[in-house]
Amino acid sequence: MTNAQNAPVPAGPTTTSQDVLAATMAALMPLGAGFTVTLGYLWLDIFGLIVGLGAAAGWAYWWRNKHGAFFPADLRGGSVGGFGALVAVIGLFFLIALVP
């Protein structure tokens, strides 16, 4: 076996829409994880913090298993839109939890 056979296949050029979807996911992932952890802490103190960390880790694990990578080359707008809607709902709960 030669080194040429072991060389990784170069990725093809990406489109602008794929780059925008990847950038959107790069912004939504830490935002959603942060909302989840902070929301757990606001609701249940230290136990909620632990639950929030577990939920964020499970969310990342599910996403990676579903798509094969955190930022796959074939991201779909529907997946990113659904992810954005979920982050928006968690953010809404976060804002509601901040109100005394």
Protein backbone atom coordinates (compact mmCIF):
# COMPACT_ATOMS: atom_id res chain seq x y z
CA MET A 1 0.00 0.00 0.00
CA THR A 2 1.42 3.38 -0.94
CA ASN A 3 1.03 6.72 0.73
CA ALA A 4 -1.17 7.90 -2.13
CA GLN A 5 -3.79 5.32 -1.17
CA ASN A 6 -3.82 6.55 2.44
CA ALA A 7 -4.11 10.23 1.57
CA PRO A 8 -7.45 11.80 2.51
CA VAL A 9 -9.72 12.74 -0.32
CA PRO A 10 -9.76 16.52 -0.68
CA ALA A 11 -13.15 18.03 -0.01
CA GLY A 12 -14.87 19.59 -2.95
CA PRO A 13 -15.63 23.26 -3.08
CA THR A 14 -18.51 24.35 -0.91
CA THR A 15 -21.26 26.66 -1.92
CA THR A 16 -22.03 29.92 -0.20
CA SER A 17 -25.28 28.51 1.18
CA GLN A 18 -23.40 25.58 2.76
CA ASP A 19 -20.96 28.01 4.33
CA VAL A 20 -23.82 30.10 5.73
CA LEU A 21 -25.52 26.99 7.14
CA ALA A 22 -22.26 25.85 8.75
CA ALA A 23 -21.69 29.31 10.26
CA THR A 24 -25.25 29.35 11.58
CA MET A 25 -24.73 25.95 13.19
CA ALA A 26 -21.42 27.14 14.65
CA ALA A 27 -23.32 29.97 16.35
CA LEU A 28 -26.37 27.95 17.41
CA MET A 29 -24.52 25.01 19.03
CA PRO A 30 -22.80 26.90 21.86
CA LEU A 31 -25.78 29.25 22.25
CA GLY A 32 -28.18 26.33 22.69
CA ALA A 33 -25.82 24.51 25.05
CA GLY A 34 -25.36 27.66 27.12
CA PHE A 35 -29.09 28.29 27.32
CA THR A 36 -29.69 24.67 28.35
CA VAL A 37 -27.08 24.69 31.12
CA THR A 38 -28.08 28.11 32.44
CA LEU A 39 -31.78 27.27 32.32
CA GLY A 40 -31.15 24.10 34.31
CA TYR A 41 -29.21 26.10 36.88
CA LEU A 42 -31.93 28.76 37.15
CA TRP A 43 -34.64 26.15 37.68
CA LEU A 44 -32.92 23.58 39.90
CA ASP A 45 -29.64 25.10 41.16
CA ILE A 46 -26.66 22.71 41.17
CA PHE A 47 -28.72 19.64 40.26
CA GLY A 48 -30.15 21.58 37.30
CA LEU A 49 -26.64 22.55 36.25
CA ILE A 50 -25.68 18.88 36.12
CA VAL A 51 -28.88 18.00 34.25
CA GLY A 52 -28.26 20.88 31.82
CA LEU A 53 -24.71 19.70 31.15
CA GLY A 54 -26.02 16.18 30.52
CA ALA A 55 -28.72 17.50 28.21
CA ALA A 56 -26.23 19.60 26.24
CA ALA A 57 -23.84 16.64 25.91
CA GLY A 58 -26.70 14.36 24.85
CA TRP A 59 -27.87 16.92 22.32
CA ALA A 60 -24.37 17.13 20.80
CA TYR A 61 -24.06 13.32 20.80
CA TRP A 62 -27.42 12.93 19.05
CA TRP A 63 -26.56 15.56 16.42
CA ARG A 64 -23.19 13.98 15.65
CA ASN A 65 -24.65 10.46 15.37
CA LYS A 66 -27.47 11.68 13.13
CA HIS A 67 -25.25 13.60 10.71
CA GLY A 68 -21.91 11.80 11.08
CA ALA A 69 -20.10 15.03 12.01
CA PHE A 70 -20.83 18.26 13.80
CA PHE A 71 -20.54 20.17 10.53
CA PRO A 72 -21.33 17.75 7.70
CA ALA A 73 -20.73 18.80 4.12
CA ASP A 74 -24.38 18.29 3.19
CA LEU A 75 -26.19 20.36 5.82
CA ARG A 76 -29.83 20.92 5.01
CA GLY A 77 -31.73 24.10 5.73
CA GLY A 78 -34.47 22.13 7.47
CA SER A 79 -32.04 20.63 9.98
CA VAL A 80 -30.52 24.01 10.75
CA GLY A 81 -33.97 25.62 10.91
CA GLY A 82 -35.22 22.96 13.32
CA PHE A 83 -32.13 23.40 15.43
CA GLY A 84 -32.69 27.17 15.41
CA ALA A 85 -36.33 26.74 16.43
CA LEU A 86 -35.30 24.50 19.33
CA VAL A 87 -32.72 27.05 20.48
CA ALA A 88 -35.37 29.78 20.22
CA VAL A 89 -37.78 27.79 22.42
CA ILE A 90 -35.04 27.12 24.99
CA GLY A 91 -34.11 30.82 24.85
CA LEU A 92 -37.74 31.77 25.46
CA PHE A 93 -37.85 29.49 28.51
CA PHE A 94 -34.58 31.07 29.64
CA LEU A 95 -36.05 34.57 29.41
CA ILE A 96 -39.20 33.46 31.24
CA ALA A 97 -37.05 31.95 34.01
CA LEU A 98 -35.25 35.28 34.46
CA VAL A 99 -38.49 37.10 35.29
CA PRO A 100 -39.08 37.03 39.07
